[in-house]
Amino acid sequence: MTKDQNSYSYSAVNKHENNHEGKQFQEEITESAPTIGIRHLQVLIYFLLCITAFGFRVSLSVGIVAMTDPSTTNNPDIPTYPEWKNKNVILSAFFWGYIIPQVFAVQSILSALIPETAARYGSRGVMISRALQGFTQGFIYPSLTHLLSQWAPTEERSRLGTIVYAAAPFGTVIAILVTGLISSSWYGWPLVFYLYGALGLLWCVMMIILGYDSPAEHPKITKAEKLYIEKSLGHTDEKPNHPTPWKSIFTSIPLWALFATQLGFNYCFWTMLTQIPMYMNFVMNFNIKQNSVLSSLPYLTLWLLSFAFGFLSDALVNKNVISRTKSRKIFNSIGLLVPAGALIMLGYTKSDEYKQAVVLLVISVGFTSACYSGWTVNHMDLSPNHAGTLMGITNGFSQVTGAIAPLVVQLLVTNERDPLQWRFIFLITAGFNIITGIIFDVFGSAKVQPWNSPEEDEEKGH
């Protein structure tokens, strides 16, 4: 067993892994646990949350085209606002309030009120609404990371984490397709926001009924599954609450490397997500129906590839082919450097080379899925006890890129039909990917940090 795989030595079960009895004990627990259990139901709930949450985020990226272009619908009763010249500022507004957490139900209500907000208060009203929606979604990723750190055994971390986090691109696919189809129909773009508002409220009800914070709190989980999860993660009933080691966290080099690569990933992700519909519309001259189908294709590819990378990552680590740290760095590099190369080529693609453009867009977005087996689950690697806190810190601050990315486009792309101006956007994005990917390769780690459980580290004489 590699050093990284043995990094969970702070937990109860891993204290025995240096002898045959401990290994046999862990194997018996794993074999007795159900293949499909309560942990998978919880993962399904988190999966649906990400699908719905990203539907809220993405629907406006396609919807803004229909909201500002009267030619997208044949229904004269559907309002449009061609006078809005600040589309990218509106798209950026979601992230103005993202770093502050609140409740998901509020997000649903705000989404349903978007049509009325646009009619009454114009583009500024929509900006404020989107900022408040970002405010409500600030809790999602820190909460998901904490919940996964309670429910996902280390042996299943990459694949279960991938299922949850990769729901984001799957939700993106659905949102782009649904928004494009509804916006071009007789019902028009307002129906999109009513639909997602209702879905969000339904998810809240489901979470209240079926969701639980940990295996210890679930009334129907089997003893075998509970023991399997808790022993794998080192969670025991007598384990004390760990104070947050703020100084150690903020001076941790692996955490800073994680934060850097998260910045690069998010800048690329949000640049592509918010701008692909407009790039397709103005440079490649696709109408909104074609736009929604082609804009969703890269994210469908991302979602499908994420499973391949997730299962491959777990298999390589569990079979001792490579260490967990090497696995994180390899997959993270694939997820950042391959898209960077595709973006550079996309920047030099001519407007009439639409087939090449679509292929490069698919590669530039699709291969980012490898990062779900890279930095995305690295918070749980570094500190299972404080994973939610780490995600809250890195995700909260890195999401500023979601606000910056559309504003950079607003500043640099003064003529949306000029491929040369879009080239600068793609080259900047590729540069972020390359720089932050290298930082993670040099300074990143998947070893549990000593400050994860200081009292146990002291007991071991460290």
Protein backbone atom coordinates (compact mmCIF):
# COMPACT_ATOMS: atom_id res chain seq x y z
CA MET A 1 0.00 0.00 0.00
CA THR A 2 1.41 3.40 -0.99
CA LYS A 3 2.20 6.16 1.44
CA ASP A 4 -0.64 8.33 0.15
CA GLN A 5 -3.15 5.54 0.47
CA ASN A 6 -2.00 5.03 4.03
CA SER A 7 -2.35 8.74 4.76
CA TYR A 8 -5.54 8.16 6.70
CA SER A 9 -3.42 6.80 9.56
CA TYR A 10 -5.08 9.32 11.83
CA SER A 11 -8.29 7.26 11.74
CA ALA A 12 -9.06 4.32 13.97
CA VAL A 13 -8.94 1.62 11.35
CA ASN A 14 -5.81 2.84 9.63
CA LYS A 15 -3.87 2.62 12.87
CA HIS A 16 -3.99 -1.14 12.30
CA GLU A 17 -3.08 -1.15 8.61
CA ASN A 18 0.56 -1.96 9.25
CA ASN A 19 -0.31 -5.49 10.35
CA HIS A 20 -2.14 -8.37 8.78
CA GLU A 21 -4.98 -8.29 11.31
CA GLY A 22 -5.83 -4.68 10.48
CA LYS A 23 -5.92 -5.36 6.74
CA GLN A 24 -8.10 -8.42 7.18
CA PHE A 25 -10.45 -6.42 9.43
CA GLN A 26 -10.85 -3.69 6.79
CA GLU A 27 -11.45 -6.27 4.04
CA GLU A 28 -14.18 -7.94 6.12
CA ILE A 29 -15.92 -4.61 6.66
CA THR A 30 -15.79 -3.77 2.96
CA GLU A 31 -17.12 -7.16 1.90
CA SER A 32 -20.04 -7.02 4.34
CA ALA A 33 -21.15 -3.54 3.28
CA PRO A 34 -23.98 -3.40 0.69
CA THR A 35 -22.91 -2.60 -2.86
CA ILE A 36 -25.84 -0.20 -3.18
CA GLY A 37 -26.86 1.43 0.07
CA ILE A 38 -28.05 4.54 1.85
CA ARG A 39 -24.84 6.35 0.91
CA HIS A 40 -25.90 6.12 -2.72
CA LEU A 41 -29.34 7.58 -1.94
CA GLN A 42 -27.64 10.55 -0.32
CA VAL A 43 -25.35 10.93 -3.34
CA LEU A 44 -28.44 10.88 -5.59
CA ILE A 45 -29.95 13.74 -3.57
CA TYR A 46 -26.75 15.76 -3.92
CA PHE A 47 -26.67 14.91 -7.63
CA LEU A 48 -30.16 16.35 -8.11
CA LEU A 49 -29.19 19.44 -6.14
CA CYS A 50 -26.29 20.17 -8.50
CA ILE A 51 -28.47 19.59 -11.57
CA THR A 52 -31.07 22.07 -10.31
CA ALA A 53 -28.56 24.59 -9.00
CA PHE A 54 -26.69 24.73 -12.29
CA GLY A 55 -29.99 24.98 -14.11
CA PHE A 56 -30.59 28.21 -12.20
CA ARG A 57 -27.13 29.47 -13.13
CA VAL A 58 -27.07 28.44 -16.79
CA SER A 59 -30.61 29.20 -17.90
CA LEU A 60 -29.86 32.90 -18.17
CA SER A 61 -26.75 32.31 -20.33
CA VAL A 62 -29.04 31.01 -23.10
CA GLY A 63 -32.14 32.90 -21.99
CA ILE A 64 -30.41 36.28 -22.27
CA VAL A 65 -30.18 35.76 -26.05
CA ALA A 66 -33.95 35.27 -26.27
CA MET A 67 -34.64 38.05 -23.77
CA THR A 68 -32.76 40.59 -25.92
CA ASP A 69 -33.52 39.34 -29.46
CA PRO A 70 -37.14 39.76 -30.67
CA SER A 71 -36.57 37.35 -33.59
CA THR A 72 -36.24 34.29 -31.32
CA THR A 73 -39.99 33.78 -30.87
CA ASN A 74 -43.12 34.10 -32.99
CA ASN A 75 -45.29 35.01 -30.00
CA PRO A 76 -45.81 38.81 -29.93
CA ASP A 77 -46.88 38.63 -26.28
CA ILE A 78 -43.43 37.52 -25.11
CA PRO A 79 -41.54 40.61 -23.92
CA THR A 80 -38.01 41.25 -25.20
CA TYR A 81 -35.46 43.88 -24.22
CA PRO A 82 -33.16 44.65 -27.19
CA GLU A 83 -32.13 47.91 -25.50
CA TRP A 84 -30.11 45.97 -22.88
CA LYS A 85 -26.46 46.55 -23.78
CA ASN A 86 -25.03 45.15 -20.55
CA LYS A 87 -25.67 41.44 -21.05
CA ASN A 88 -22.29 40.33 -19.66
CA VAL A 89 -22.76 42.47 -16.57
CA ILE A 90 -26.08 40.68 -15.99
CA LEU A 91 -24.36 37.30 -16.40
CA SER A 92 -21.64 38.41 -13.98
CA ALA A 93 -24.16 39.54 -11.36
CA PHE A 94 -24.87 36.01 -10.12
CA PHE A 95 -21.40 35.88 -8.55
CA TRP A 96 -21.58 39.23 -6.80
CA GLY A 97 -23.34 37.59 -3.87
CA TYR A 98 -22.04 34.04 -4.32
CA ILE A 99 -19.48 34.09 -1.52
CA ILE A 100 -22.21 34.66 1.10
CA PRO A 101 -24.40 31.59 1.95
CA GLN A 102 -28.19 31.42 2.40
CA VAL A 103 -31.10 29.06 1.70
CA PHE A 104 -31.99 27.27 -1.55
CA ALA A 105 -35.73 27.96 -1.34
CA VAL A 106 -35.09 31.68 -1.72
CA GLN A 107 -33.18 30.91 -4.93
CA SER A 108 -36.23 29.12 -6.32
CA ILE A 109 -38.58 32.02 -5.58
CA LEU A 110 -36.19 34.56 -7.06
CA SER A 111 -35.90 32.49 -10.25
CA ALA A 112 -39.67 32.31 -10.65
CA LEU A 113 -39.87 36.09 -10.27
CA ILE A 114 -37.30 36.86 -13.02
CA PRO A 115 -39.94 37.60 -15.73
CA GLU A 116 -41.78 40.04 -13.45
CA THR A 117 -38.48 41.57 -12.30
CA ALA A 118 -37.36 42.14 -15.89
CA ALA A 119 -40.67 43.73 -16.84
CA ARG A 120 -40.85 46.05 -13.82
CA TYR A 121 -37.23 46.92 -13.11
CA GLY A 122 -35.32 46.22 -16.33
CA SER A 123 -31.75 44.98 -16.57
CA ARG A 124 -30.75 46.44 -13.20
CA GLY A 125 -33.56 44.57 -11.51
CA VAL A 126 -32.37 41.32 -13.11
CA MET A 127 -28.82 42.06 -11.94
CA ILE A 128 -29.99 42.48 -8.36
CA SER A 129 -32.09 39.32 -8.58
CA ARG A 130 -29.15 37.33 -9.93
CA ALA A 131 -26.85 38.69 -7.22
CA LEU A 132 -29.36 37.54 -4.61
CA GLN A 133 -29.56 34.13 -6.31
CA GLY A 134 -25.78 33.88 -6.10
CA PHE A 135 -26.09 34.84 -2.44
CA THR A 136 -28.39 31.87 -1.84
CA GLN A 137 -26.14 29.37 -3.65
CA GLY A 138 -23.01 30.21 -1.68
CA PHE A 139 -23.63 27.36 0.73
CA ILE A 140 -23.93 24.55 -1.82
CA TYR A 141 -20.37 23.41 -2.49
CA PRO A 142 -19.07 23.73 1.08
CA SER A 143 -22.12 21.79 2.28
CA LEU A 144 -21.75 19.12 -0.41
CA THR A 145 -18.06 18.67 0.39
CA HIS A 146 -18.82 18.29 4.09
CA LEU A 147 -21.63 15.82 3.42
CA LEU A 148 -19.47 13.76 1.06
CA SER A 149 -16.73 13.69 3.70
CA GLN A 150 -19.32 12.02 5.96
CA TRP A 151 -20.86 9.64 3.42
CA ALA A 152 -18.20 8.73 0.81
CA PRO A 153 -15.69 6.02 1.89
CA THR A 154 -12.13 6.76 0.81
CA GLU A 155 -12.20 3.72 -1.50
CA GLU A 156 -15.11 5.30 -3.41
CA ARG A 157 -14.18 8.96 -3.10
CA SER A 158 -13.31 9.76 -6.72
CA ARG A 159 -16.33 8.06 -8.26
CA LEU A 160 -18.93 9.21 -5.71
CA GLY A 161 -17.47 12.72 -5.73
CA THR A 162 -17.54 12.66 -9.53
CA ILE A 163 -21.20 11.63 -9.58
CA VAL A 164 -22.10 14.62 -7.42
CA TYR A 165 -19.83 17.29 -8.87
CA ALA A 166 -20.30 16.13 -12.47
CA ALA A 167 -24.01 16.71 -12.03
CA ALA A 168 -23.11 20.35 -12.67
CA PRO A 169 -22.30 19.83 -16.37
CA PHE A 170 -25.23 17.44 -16.70
CA GLY A 171 -27.46 20.14 -15.26
CA THR A 172 -25.83 22.52 -17.71
CA VAL A 173 -26.75 20.26 -20.64
CA ILE A 174 -30.36 20.06 -19.52
CA ALA A 175 -30.60 23.79 -18.84
CA ILE A 176 -29.10 24.80 -22.19
CA LEU A 177 -31.36 22.44 -24.14
CA VAL A 178 -34.52 23.23 -22.18
CA THR A 179 -33.89 26.98 -22.21
CA GLY A 180 -33.18 27.02 -25.94
CA LEU A 181 -36.24 24.95 -26.83
CA ILE A 182 -38.65 26.81 -24.54
CA SER A 183 -37.27 30.25 -25.46
CA SER A 184 -37.83 29.59 -29.17
CA SER A 185 -41.34 28.19 -28.58
CA TRP A 186 -44.67 30.00 -28.27
CA TYR A 187 -44.37 29.94 -24.46
CA GLY A 188 -41.14 31.94 -24.56
CA TRP A 189 -38.29 32.45 -22.09
CA PRO A 190 -40.41 33.30 -18.99
CA LEU A 191 -41.52 29.65 -18.69
CA VAL A 192 -37.88 28.60 -18.11
CA PHE A 193 -37.65 30.55 -14.89
CA TYR A 194 -41.05 29.38 -13.63
CA LEU A 195 -39.98 25.78 -14.28
CA TYR A 196 -36.70 25.98 -12.38
CA GLY A 197 -38.35 27.81 -9.52
CA ALA A 198 -40.76 24.90 -9.09
CA LEU A 199 -38.00 22.28 -9.36
CA GLY A 200 -35.96 24.03 -6.68
CA LEU A 201 -38.84 23.98 -4.24
CA LEU A 202 -39.47 20.28 -4.93
CA TRP A 203 -35.82 19.49 -4.17
CA CYS A 204 -36.10 21.30 -0.83
CA VAL A 205 -39.01 19.06 0.14
CA MET A 206 -37.08 15.93 -0.88
CA MET A 207 -34.03 16.94 1.14
CA ILE A 208 -36.13 17.59 4.24
CA ILE A 209 -37.67 14.10 4.01
CA LEU A 210 -34.72 11.96 2.84
CA GLY A 211 -31.50 13.84 3.58
CA TYR A 212 -29.28 13.17 6.63
CA ASP A 213 -26.02 14.73 7.75
CA SER A 214 -24.14 11.49 8.47
CA PRO A 215 -24.52 7.68 8.70
CA ALA A 216 -24.79 7.99 12.48
CA GLU A 217 -27.98 10.05 12.11
CA HIS A 218 -29.75 7.89 9.52
CA PRO A 219 -32.43 5.70 11.15
CA LYS A 220 -32.56 3.00 8.44
CA ILE A 221 -28.92 2.47 7.45
CA THR A 222 -27.63 -1.07 8.04
CA LYS A 223 -24.99 -1.63 10.69
CA ALA A 224 -22.66 -3.10 8.05
CA GLU A 225 -22.84 -0.03 5.81
CA LYS A 226 -22.52 2.36 8.75
CA LEU A 227 -19.44 0.51 10.01
CA TYR A 228 -17.91 0.38 6.53
CA ILE A 229 -18.26 4.15 6.03
CA GLU A 230 -17.18 5.19 9.49
CA LYS A 231 -14.17 2.89 9.70
CA SER A 232 -13.04 3.90 6.21
CA LEU A 233 -13.23 7.57 7.16
CA GLY A 234 -12.04 7.11 10.73
CA HIS A 235 -15.30 8.40 12.19
CA THR A 236 -16.19 6.96 15.57
CA ASP A 237 -18.97 7.81 17.98
CA GLU A 238 -16.50 8.89 20.65
CA LYS A 239 -14.51 11.11 18.30
CA PRO A 240 -14.47 14.73 19.57
CA ASN A 241 -15.30 17.78 17.53
CA HIS A 242 -12.09 19.23 16.11
CA PRO A 243 -11.47 22.96 16.51
CA THR A 244 -10.73 24.65 13.22
CA PRO A 245 -6.94 25.21 12.92
CA TRP A 246 -7.20 28.52 11.11
CA LYS A 247 -3.50 29.39 11.23
CA SER A 248 -2.46 25.98 9.89
CA ILE A 249 -5.09 26.17 7.16
CA PHE A 250 -4.01 29.57 5.88
CA THR A 251 -0.31 28.63 5.96
CA SER A 252 -0.80 25.27 4.20
CA ILE A 253 1.11 25.18 0.89
CA PRO A 254 -0.96 22.26 -0.55
CA LEU A 255 -4.13 24.21 0.21
CA TRP A 256 -2.81 27.32 -1.54
CA ALA A 257 -1.91 25.13 -4.54
CA LEU A 258 -5.47 23.76 -4.49
CA PHE A 259 -6.87 27.29 -4.33
CA ALA A 260 -4.74 28.39 -7.29
CA THR A 261 -5.85 25.53 -9.53
CA GLN A 262 -9.47 26.09 -8.47
CA LEU A 263 -9.12 29.72 -9.60
CA GLY A 264 -7.85 28.63 -13.01
CA PHE A 265 -10.51 25.97 -13.45
CA ASN A 266 -13.35 28.27 -12.45
CA TYR A 267 -12.17 31.09 -14.71
CA CYS A 268 -12.12 28.71 -17.67
CA PHE A 269 -15.39 27.02 -16.73
CA TRP A 270 -17.36 30.24 -16.31
CA THR A 271 -15.85 31.91 -19.36
CA MET A 272 -16.96 29.00 -21.51
CA LEU A 273 -20.31 28.52 -19.81
CA THR A 274 -21.42 32.15 -20.04
CA GLN A 275 -19.93 32.90 -23.45
CA ILE A 276 -20.42 29.80 -25.64
CA PRO A 277 -24.04 30.72 -26.50
CA MET A 278 -23.02 34.22 -27.61
CA TYR A 279 -19.93 32.96 -29.46
CA MET A 280 -22.11 30.43 -31.31
CA ASN A 281 -24.73 33.05 -32.06
CA PHE A 282 -22.57 35.95 -33.25
CA VAL A 283 -19.41 34.29 -34.63
CA MET A 284 -20.70 30.94 -35.88
CA ASN A 285 -24.13 32.35 -36.83
CA PHE A 286 -26.24 29.56 -35.30
CA ASN A 287 -29.85 30.33 -34.42
CA ILE A 288 -31.04 29.78 -30.88
CA LYS A 289 -32.24 26.18 -31.46
CA GLN A 290 -28.95 25.18 -33.07
CA ASN A 291 -27.14 27.25 -30.46
CA SER A 292 -28.70 25.40 -27.52
CA VAL A 293 -27.97 21.96 -28.98
CA LEU A 294 -24.36 22.73 -29.89
CA SER A 295 -23.74 24.69 -26.69
CA SER A 296 -24.87 21.70 -24.64
CA LEU A 297 -22.72 19.17 -26.52
CA PRO A 298 -19.45 20.07 -24.72
CA TYR A 299 -21.14 19.66 -21.33
CA LEU A 300 -22.69 16.34 -22.26
CA THR A 301 -19.18 15.18 -23.22
CA LEU A 302 -17.85 16.54 -19.93
CA TRP A 303 -20.47 14.61 -17.96
CA LEU A 304 -19.84 11.32 -19.76
CA LEU A 305 -16.04 11.57 -19.55
CA SER A 306 -16.19 12.39 -15.86
CA PHE A 307 -17.34 8.85 -15.06
CA ALA A 308 -14.50 7.31 -17.01
CA PHE A 309 -11.95 9.48 -15.22
CA GLY A 310 -13.56 8.97 -11.80
CA PHE A 311 -13.64 5.18 -11.95
CA LEU A 312 -10.15 5.04 -13.49
CA SER A 313 -8.73 7.24 -10.73
CA ASP A 314 -10.18 5.06 -7.94
CA ALA A 315 -9.00 1.88 -9.69
CA LEU A 316 -5.43 3.12 -10.10
CA VAL A 317 -5.18 4.18 -6.47
CA ASN A 318 -6.99 1.18 -4.96
CA LYS A 319 -4.83 -1.26 -6.96
CA ASN A 320 -1.62 0.53 -5.85
CA VAL A 321 -0.69 1.45 -9.43
CA ILE A 322 -0.05 5.08 -8.44
CA SER A 323 -0.30 7.07 -5.23
CA ARG A 324 -3.30 9.25 -4.48
CA THR A 325 -1.16 12.38 -4.86
CA LYS A 326 0.09 11.33 -8.30
CA SER A 327 -3.44 10.47 -9.34
CA ARG A 328 -4.74 13.90 -8.36
CA LYS A 329 -1.91 15.63 -10.25
CA ILE A 330 -2.22 13.50 -13.39
CA PHE A 331 -5.97 13.94 -13.74
CA ASN A 332 -5.81 17.60 -12.80
CA SER A 333 -3.21 18.17 -15.53
CA ILE A 334 -5.40 16.43 -18.09
CA GLY A 335 -8.35 18.57 -17.01
CA LEU A 336 -6.47 21.87 -17.37
CA LEU A 337 -3.74 21.46 -19.99
CA VAL A 338 -5.69 19.59 -22.68
CA PRO A 339 -8.47 22.24 -22.69
CA ALA A 340 -5.79 24.96 -22.76
CA GLY A 341 -4.37 23.53 -25.99
CA ALA A 342 -7.84 23.33 -27.52
CA LEU A 343 -8.60 26.94 -26.57
CA ILE A 344 -5.40 28.18 -28.19
CA MET A 345 -6.38 26.42 -31.42
CA LEU A 346 -9.95 27.74 -31.11
CA GLY A 347 -8.58 31.27 -30.97
CA TYR A 348 -7.11 30.81 -34.46
CA THR A 349 -10.20 29.10 -35.93
CA LYS A 350 -11.98 31.11 -38.63
CA SER A 351 -15.68 31.88 -38.45
CA ASP A 352 -16.46 29.66 -41.45
CA GLU A 353 -14.66 26.65 -39.89
CA TYR A 354 -17.63 25.84 -37.70
CA LYS A 355 -17.00 22.07 -37.56
CA GLN A 356 -13.51 22.62 -36.23
CA ALA A 357 -14.84 25.17 -33.77
CA VAL A 358 -17.43 22.75 -32.40
CA VAL A 359 -14.84 19.96 -32.00
CA LEU A 360 -12.45 22.28 -30.17
CA LEU A 361 -15.24 23.56 -27.92
CA VAL A 362 -16.11 19.96 -27.05
CA ILE A 363 -12.48 19.19 -26.19
CA SER A 364 -11.91 22.42 -24.27
CA VAL A 365 -14.95 21.81 -22.06
CA GLY A 366 -15.20 18.01 -22.09
CA PHE A 367 -11.71 17.24 -20.84
CA THR A 368 -12.10 19.49 -17.81
CA SER A 369 -14.01 16.50 -16.41
CA ALA A 370 -10.66 14.99 -15.37
CA CYS A 371 -10.46 17.71 -12.71
CA TYR A 372 -13.31 16.02 -10.83
CA SER A 373 -10.70 13.37 -9.96
CA GLY A 374 -8.12 16.10 -9.34
CA TRP A 375 -8.57 19.27 -7.31
CA THR A 376 -12.33 18.83 -6.82
CA VAL A 377 -11.99 16.02 -4.25
CA ASN A 378 -8.66 17.28 -2.88
CA HIS A 379 -10.30 19.13 0.02
CA MET A 380 -11.34 15.76 1.45
CA ASP A 381 -7.84 14.39 0.85
CA LEU A 382 -6.15 17.17 2.78
CA SER A 383 -8.51 17.21 5.74
CA PRO A 384 -11.55 14.94 6.09
CA ASN A 385 -12.46 16.70 9.36
CA HIS A 386 -12.42 20.19 7.84
CA ALA A 387 -13.28 19.48 4.20
CA GLY A 388 -16.40 21.64 4.23
CA THR A 389 -14.49 24.57 5.70
CA LEU A 390 -11.73 24.22 3.11
CA MET A 391 -14.25 24.14 0.27
CA GLY A 392 -16.03 27.14 1.75
CA ILE A 393 -12.78 29.12 1.72
CA THR A 394 -11.44 28.11 -1.69
CA ASN A 395 -14.77 27.98 -3.49
CA GLY A 396 -16.03 31.22 -2.02
CA PHE A 397 -13.02 33.25 -3.08
CA SER A 398 -12.36 31.43 -6.36
CA GLN A 399 -15.90 32.12 -7.55
CA VAL A 400 -14.92 35.74 -7.97
CA THR A 401 -13.73 34.50 -11.37
CA GLY A 402 -17.36 33.85 -12.27
CA ALA A 403 -17.99 37.57 -11.85
CA ILE A 404 -14.77 38.63 -13.56
CA ALA A 405 -14.91 36.35 -16.62
CA PRO A 406 -18.02 37.93 -18.25
CA LEU A 407 -16.72 41.42 -17.41
CA VAL A 408 -13.44 40.68 -19.20
CA VAL A 409 -15.48 39.69 -22.26
CA GLN A 410 -17.58 42.85 -21.89
CA LEU A 411 -14.36 44.90 -21.86
CA LEU A 412 -12.41 43.16 -24.64
CA VAL A 413 -15.14 42.00 -27.03
CA THR A 414 -16.59 45.29 -28.24
CA ASN A 415 -17.71 43.67 -31.50
CA GLU A 416 -19.29 40.30 -30.75
CA ARG A 417 -18.92 39.22 -34.38
CA ASP A 418 -15.15 39.76 -34.49
CA PRO A 419 -13.26 36.41 -34.18
CA LEU A 420 -10.01 38.27 -33.42
CA GLN A 421 -11.45 39.77 -30.26
CA TRP A 422 -12.65 36.36 -29.14
CA ARG A 423 -9.11 35.06 -29.71
CA PHE A 424 -7.87 37.22 -26.84
CA ILE A 425 -10.52 35.72 -24.57
CA PHE A 426 -9.52 32.16 -25.41
CA LEU A 427 -5.79 32.86 -25.05
CA ILE A 428 -6.26 34.49 -21.64
CA THR A 429 -8.34 31.54 -20.47
CA ALA A 430 -5.76 29.03 -21.72
CA GLY A 431 -3.03 30.95 -19.92
CA PHE A 432 -4.88 30.71 -16.60
CA ASN A 433 -5.27 26.95 -17.07
CA ILE A 434 -1.58 26.39 -17.81
CA ILE A 435 -0.21 28.51 -14.96
CA THR A 436 -2.53 27.18 -12.26
CA GLY A 437 -2.15 23.59 -13.47
CA ILE A 438 1.62 23.82 -13.09
CA ILE A 439 1.26 25.28 -9.59
CA PHE A 440 -0.80 22.27 -8.49
CA ASP A 441 1.66 19.83 -10.07
CA VAL A 442 4.54 21.38 -8.14
CA PHE A 443 2.97 22.16 -4.76
CA GLY A 444 -0.20 20.05 -4.57
CA SER A 445 -0.68 16.98 -2.36
CA ALA A 446 -3.31 14.39 -1.49
CA LYS A 447 -1.85 13.50 1.92
CA VAL A 448 -3.91 14.15 5.03
CA GLN A 449 -2.37 17.17 6.69
CA PRO A 450 -1.22 17.00 10.35
CA TRP A 451 -3.64 19.78 11.31
CA ASN A 452 -6.58 17.59 10.26
CA SER A 453 -6.51 16.01 13.74
CA PRO A 454 -3.85 17.70 15.90
CA GLU A 455 -4.57 15.76 19.09
CA GLU A 456 -4.06 12.40 17.35
CA ASP A 457 -0.88 13.73 15.73
CA GLU A 458 0.40 14.62 19.19
CA GLU A 459 -0.43 11.12 20.47
CA LYS A 460 1.72 9.66 17.70
CA GLY A 461 4.67 11.82 18.83
CA HIS A 462 4.73 14.19 15.84
